[in-house]
Amino acid sequence: MSVVGFFGTYAYEHGQWKTLSEGELPPLAEPSLWIDIHDSDITSVVYAPAGPGSGVAYLGLTPRTYFENPNASDPTDTLREAAGLAEWWALVHSGGDVPGKQAELLQYLAEDEEPGDFELDEAEDIDEEAVFVEVKTRRFLTALDLPLPGELSG
């Protein structure tokens, strides 16, 4: 029996969320945040303006790790993305403790791993919070002081 994970794509602009088709990334008015959850394993986060970040971060696993392919995404730099996301947060919420927010957001961001580093031992207890990226995505969005979109709110 095959279990299919959660899939969802959402865009935050003008202070509200809209649900998109899987993988859809339309032009968005800045500041904006786009999240795409893939099979309960990867959440791609695209944010603009990017500030000191690249504008792309991941929660759960990175595409390079998940697909075991170094060409699946650019290498991750979690410190850089946490800085970019913290500045994005400050822009959306009119200031605040950017260094503190950067440290808080850093704990949610995925780093590239070597193949096999993330495989679960079936004999181990499974920690739902570590396995299902939608749980981490809810907490990440809460850390950004944003409401939860669509199916993530329930």
C-alpha atoms as a PDB file:
ATOM      1  CA  MET A   1       0.000   0.000   0.000  1.00  0.00           C
ATOM      2  CA  SER A   2       1.351   3.383  -0.998  1.00  0.00           C
ATOM      3  CA  VAL A   3       0.644   6.431   1.127  1.00  0.00           C
ATOM      4  CA  VAL A   4       0.462   9.761  -0.657  1.00  0.00           C
ATOM      5  CA  GLY A   5       1.562  12.807   1.276  1.00  0.00           C
ATOM      6  CA  PHE A   6       0.061  16.264   1.408  1.00  0.00           C
ATOM      7  CA  PHE A   7       0.341  18.636  -1.550  1.00  0.00           C
ATOM      8  CA  GLY A   8      -0.607  22.320  -1.455  1.00  0.00           C
ATOM      9  CA  THR A   9       0.400  25.597  -3.089  1.00  0.00           C
ATOM     10  CA  TYR A  10      -0.418  29.003  -1.588  1.00  0.00           C
ATOM     11  CA  ALA A  11       0.483  32.630  -2.225  1.00  0.00           C
ATOM     12  CA  TYR A  12       0.468  35.432   0.358  1.00  0.00           C
ATOM     13  CA  GLU A  13       0.118  38.948  -1.012  1.00  0.00           C
ATOM     14  CA  HIS A  14      -1.875  42.028  -0.034  1.00  0.00           C
ATOM     15  CA  GLY A  15      -2.165  40.578   3.492  1.00  0.00           C
ATOM     16  CA  GLN A  16      -4.042  37.418   2.525  1.00  0.00           C
ATOM     17  CA  TRP A  17      -3.573  33.884   1.216  1.00  0.00           C
ATOM     18  CA  LYS A  18      -4.885  32.389  -1.973  1.00  0.00           C
ATOM     19  CA  THR A  19      -4.790  28.730  -2.938  1.00  0.00           C
ATOM     20  CA  LEU A  20      -3.084  27.968  -6.242  1.00  0.00           C
ATOM     21  CA  SER A  21      -2.794  24.946  -8.492  1.00  0.00           C
ATOM     22  CA  GLU A  22       0.079  22.622  -7.622  1.00  0.00           C
ATOM     23  CA  GLY A  23       3.387  24.262  -8.524  1.00  0.00           C
ATOM     24  CA  GLU A  24       1.705  27.424  -9.892  1.00  0.00           C
ATOM     25  CA  LEU A  25       3.800  30.562  -9.265  1.00  0.00           C
ATOM     26  CA  PRO A  26       2.108  33.609 -10.818  1.00  0.00           C
ATOM     27  CA  PRO A  27       3.640  37.080 -10.654  1.00  0.00           C
ATOM     28  CA  LEU A  28       2.956  38.443  -7.151  1.00  0.00           C
ATOM     29  CA  ALA A  29       2.958  41.979  -5.766  1.00  0.00           C
ATOM     30  CA  GLU A  30       5.758  42.541  -3.233  1.00  0.00           C
ATOM     31  CA  PRO A  31       5.981  41.794  -0.419  1.00  0.00           C
ATOM     32  CA  SER A  32       4.835  38.272  -1.189  1.00  0.00           C
ATOM     33  CA  LEU A  33       5.424  34.734  -0.016  1.00  0.00           C
ATOM     34  CA  TRP A  34       4.705  31.571  -1.988  1.00  0.00           C
ATOM     35  CA  ILE A  35       4.743  28.115  -0.443  1.00  0.00           C
ATOM     36  CA  ASP A  36       4.534  24.807  -2.257  1.00  0.00           C
ATOM     37  CA  ILE A  37       4.250  21.642  -0.171  1.00  0.00           C
ATOM     38  CA  HIS A  38       5.366  18.503  -1.999  1.00  0.00           C
ATOM     39  CA  ASP A  39       4.342  15.068  -0.706  1.00  0.00           C
ATOM     40  CA  SER A  40       4.674  16.033   3.011  1.00  0.00           C
ATOM     41  CA  ASP A  41       8.482  16.111   2.534  1.00  0.00           C
ATOM     42  CA  ILE A  42       9.447  19.468   1.014  1.00  0.00           C
ATOM     43  CA  THR A  43       8.039  22.957   1.383  1.00  0.00           C
ATOM     44  CA  SER A  44       9.513  25.379  -1.098  1.00  0.00           C
ATOM     45  CA  VAL A  45       9.322  28.966   0.134  1.00  0.00           C
ATOM     46  CA  VAL A  46       9.739  31.790  -2.377  1.00  0.00           C
ATOM     47  CA  TYR A  47       9.730  35.289  -0.898  1.00  0.00           C
ATOM     48  CA  ALA A  48      10.083  38.760  -2.344  1.00  0.00           C
ATOM     49  CA  PRO A  49      11.747  41.060  -1.884  1.00  0.00           C
ATOM     50  CA  ALA A  50      14.668  38.775  -1.118  1.00  0.00           C
ATOM     51  CA  GLY A  51      16.796  41.263   0.834  1.00  0.00           C
ATOM     52  CA  PRO A  52      20.118  39.566   1.614  1.00  0.00           C
ATOM     53  CA  GLY A  53      18.673  36.129   0.792  1.00  0.00           C
ATOM     54  CA  SER A  54      18.249  34.434  -2.567  1.00  0.00           C
ATOM     55  CA  GLY A  55      14.454  34.516  -2.260  1.00  0.00           C
ATOM     56  CA  VAL A  56      14.174  30.711  -2.031  1.00  0.00           C
ATOM     57  CA  ALA A  57      14.279  28.531   1.074  1.00  0.00           C
ATOM     58  CA  TYR A  58      13.114  25.040   1.978  1.00  0.00           C
ATOM     59  CA  LEU A  59      11.471  23.379   4.958  1.00  0.00           C
ATOM     60  CA  GLY A  60      11.698  19.643   5.619  1.00  0.00           C
ATOM     61  CA  LEU A  61      14.087  18.458   2.924  1.00  0.00           C
ATOM     62  CA  THR A  62      15.706  20.318   0.067  1.00  0.00           C
ATOM     63  CA  PRO A  63      15.048  19.097  -3.490  1.00  0.00           C
ATOM     64  CA  ARG A  64      18.750  18.135  -3.734  1.00  0.00           C
ATOM     65  CA  THR A  65      18.335  15.855  -0.722  1.00  0.00           C
ATOM     66  CA  TYR A  66      14.858  14.515  -1.520  1.00  0.00           C
ATOM     67  CA  PHE A  67      15.641  13.606  -5.127  1.00  0.00           C
ATOM     68  CA  GLU A  68      19.282  12.662  -4.341  1.00  0.00           C
ATOM     69  CA  ASN A  69      20.282  14.898  -7.241  1.00  0.00           C
ATOM     70  CA  PRO A  70      22.606  17.918  -6.864  1.00  0.00           C
ATOM     71  CA  ASN A  71      20.941  19.502  -9.923  1.00  0.00           C
ATOM     72  CA  ALA A  72      17.436  19.448  -8.365  1.00  0.00           C
ATOM     73  CA  SER A  73      18.022  22.844  -6.697  1.00  0.00           C
ATOM     74  CA  ASP A  74      20.752  25.324  -5.928  1.00  0.00           C
ATOM     75  CA  PRO A  75      22.829  24.576  -2.807  1.00  0.00           C
ATOM     76  CA  THR A  76      21.202  25.924   0.335  1.00  0.00           C
ATOM     77  CA  ASP A  77      22.603  28.608   2.611  1.00  0.00           C
ATOM     78  CA  THR A  78      20.292  28.597   5.624  1.00  0.00           C
ATOM     79  CA  LEU A  79      21.983  31.575   7.336  1.00  0.00           C
ATOM     80  CA  ARG A  80      21.531  33.702   4.224  1.00  0.00           C
ATOM     81  CA  GLU A  81      17.892  32.648   3.784  1.00  0.00           C
ATOM     82  CA  ALA A  82      17.085  33.201   7.466  1.00  0.00           C
ATOM     83  CA  ALA A  83      18.486  36.741   7.093  1.00  0.00           C
ATOM     84  CA  GLY A  84      16.395  37.345   3.978  1.00  0.00           C
ATOM     85  CA  LEU A  85      13.246  35.965   5.574  1.00  0.00           C
ATOM     86  CA  ALA A  86      13.790  38.017   8.746  1.00  0.00           C
ATOM     87  CA  GLU A  87      14.065  41.197   6.672  1.00  0.00           C
ATOM     88  CA  TRP A  88      10.941  40.152   4.740  1.00  0.00           C
ATOM     89  CA  TRP A  89       9.153  39.686   8.091  1.00  0.00           C
ATOM     90  CA  ALA A  90      10.270  43.151   9.262  1.00  0.00           C
ATOM     91  CA  LEU A  91       8.965  44.697   6.029  1.00  0.00           C
ATOM     92  CA  VAL A  92       5.572  42.980   6.335  1.00  0.00           C
ATOM     93  CA  HIS A  93       5.199  43.802  10.034  1.00  0.00           C
ATOM     94  CA  SER A  94       6.804  47.282  10.037  1.00  0.00           C
ATOM     95  CA  GLY A  95       9.979  46.528  11.922  1.00  0.00           C
ATOM     96  CA  GLY A  96      10.941  44.414  14.879  1.00  0.00           C
ATOM     97  CA  ASP A  97      13.903  42.439  16.169  1.00  0.00           C
ATOM     98  CA  VAL A  98      15.395  41.267  12.862  1.00  0.00           C
ATOM     99  CA  PRO A  99      18.406  39.409  14.399  1.00  0.00           C
ATOM    100  CA  GLY A 100      16.086  37.664  16.863  1.00  0.00           C
ATOM    101  CA  LYS A 101      13.659  36.704  14.099  1.00  0.00           C
ATOM    102  CA  GLN A 102      16.556  35.455  11.960  1.00  0.00           C
ATOM    103  CA  ALA A 103      17.674  33.126  14.776  1.00  0.00           C
ATOM    104  CA  GLU A 104      14.095  31.913  15.251  1.00  0.00           C
ATOM    105  CA  LEU A 105      13.515  31.227  11.540  1.00  0.00           C
ATOM    106  CA  LEU A 106      16.857  29.470  11.106  1.00  0.00           C
ATOM    107  CA  GLN A 107      15.614  26.459  13.084  1.00  0.00           C
ATOM    108  CA  TYR A 108      12.933  25.757  10.437  1.00  0.00           C
ATOM    109  CA  LEU A 109      15.097  25.874   7.310  1.00  0.00           C
ATOM    110  CA  ALA A 110      16.303  22.720   5.575  1.00  0.00           C
ATOM    111  CA  GLU A 111      19.954  22.145   4.729  1.00  0.00           C
ATOM    112  CA  ASP A 112      21.287  19.885   1.997  1.00  0.00           C
ATOM    113  CA  GLU A 113      22.118  16.405   3.293  1.00  0.00           C
ATOM    114  CA  GLU A 114      24.157  13.571   1.910  1.00  0.00           C
ATOM    115  CA  PRO A 115      22.131  10.764   0.269  1.00  0.00           C
ATOM    116  CA  GLY A 116      20.810   8.358   2.864  1.00  0.00           C
ATOM    117  CA  ASP A 117      21.123  10.770   5.811  1.00  0.00           C
ATOM    118  CA  PHE A 118      17.362  11.206   6.064  1.00  0.00           C
ATOM    119  CA  GLU A 119      16.165   7.601   5.697  1.00  0.00           C
ATOM    120  CA  LEU A 120      14.060   6.330   8.578  1.00  0.00           C
ATOM    121  CA  ASP A 121      14.775   3.087  10.381  1.00  0.00           C
ATOM    122  CA  GLU A 122      11.402   1.305  10.482  1.00  0.00           C
ATOM    123  CA  ALA A 123      12.156   0.084  13.998  1.00  0.00           C
ATOM    124  CA  GLU A 124      12.427   3.692  15.258  1.00  0.00           C
ATOM    125  CA  ASP A 125       9.474   5.588  16.629  1.00  0.00           C
ATOM    126  CA  ILE A 126       8.283   8.099  14.066  1.00  0.00           C
ATOM    127  CA  ASP A 127       8.032  11.671  15.312  1.00  0.00           C
ATOM    128  CA  GLU A 128       5.156  13.249  13.360  1.00  0.00           C
ATOM    129  CA  GLU A 129       6.669  16.719  13.746  1.00  0.00           C
ATOM    130  CA  ALA A 130       9.922  15.589  12.156  1.00  0.00           C
ATOM    131  CA  VAL A 131       8.296  13.648   9.326  1.00  0.00           C
ATOM    132  CA  PHE A 132       5.398  15.713   8.043  1.00  0.00           C
ATOM    133  CA  VAL A 133       6.537  19.024   6.597  1.00  0.00           C
ATOM    134  CA  GLU A 134       3.087  20.572   6.843  1.00  0.00           C
ATOM    135  CA  VAL A 135       3.504  20.599  10.666  1.00  0.00           C
ATOM    136  CA  LYS A 136       6.811  22.441  10.267  1.00  0.00           C
ATOM    137  CA  THR A 137       5.220  24.764   7.692  1.00  0.00           C
ATOM    138  CA  ARG A 138       2.426  25.707  10.121  1.00  0.00           C
ATOM    139  CA  ARG A 139       5.009  26.543  12.793  1.00  0.00           C
ATOM    140  CA  PHE A 140       7.183  28.458  10.321  1.00  0.00           C
ATOM    141  CA  LEU A 141       4.235  30.608   9.188  1.00  0.00           C
ATOM    142  CA  THR A 142       3.291  31.217  12.818  1.00  0.00           C
ATOM    143  CA  ALA A 143       6.889  32.345  13.458  1.00  0.00           C
ATOM    144  CA  LEU A 144       6.441  34.788  10.547  1.00  0.00           C
ATOM    145  CA  ASP A 145       3.312  36.088  12.327  1.00  0.00           C
ATOM    146  CA  LEU A 146       1.138  35.110   9.366  1.00  0.00           C
ATOM    147  CA  PRO A 147      -2.286  33.486   9.364  1.00  0.00           C
ATOM    148  CA  LEU A 148      -2.403  29.896   8.092  1.00  0.00           C
ATOM    149  CA  PRO A 149      -3.629  29.312   4.535  1.00  0.00           C
ATOM    150  CA  GLY A 150      -6.395  26.976   3.371  1.00  0.00           C
ATOM    151  CA  GLU A 151      -6.005  23.363   4.390  1.00  0.00           C
ATOM    152  CA  LEU A 152      -3.084  24.134   6.710  1.00  0.00           C
ATOM    153  CA  SER A 153      -5.346  26.025   9.110  1.00  0.00           C
ATOM    154  CA  GLY A 154      -7.403  22.968  10.023  1.00  0.00           C
END
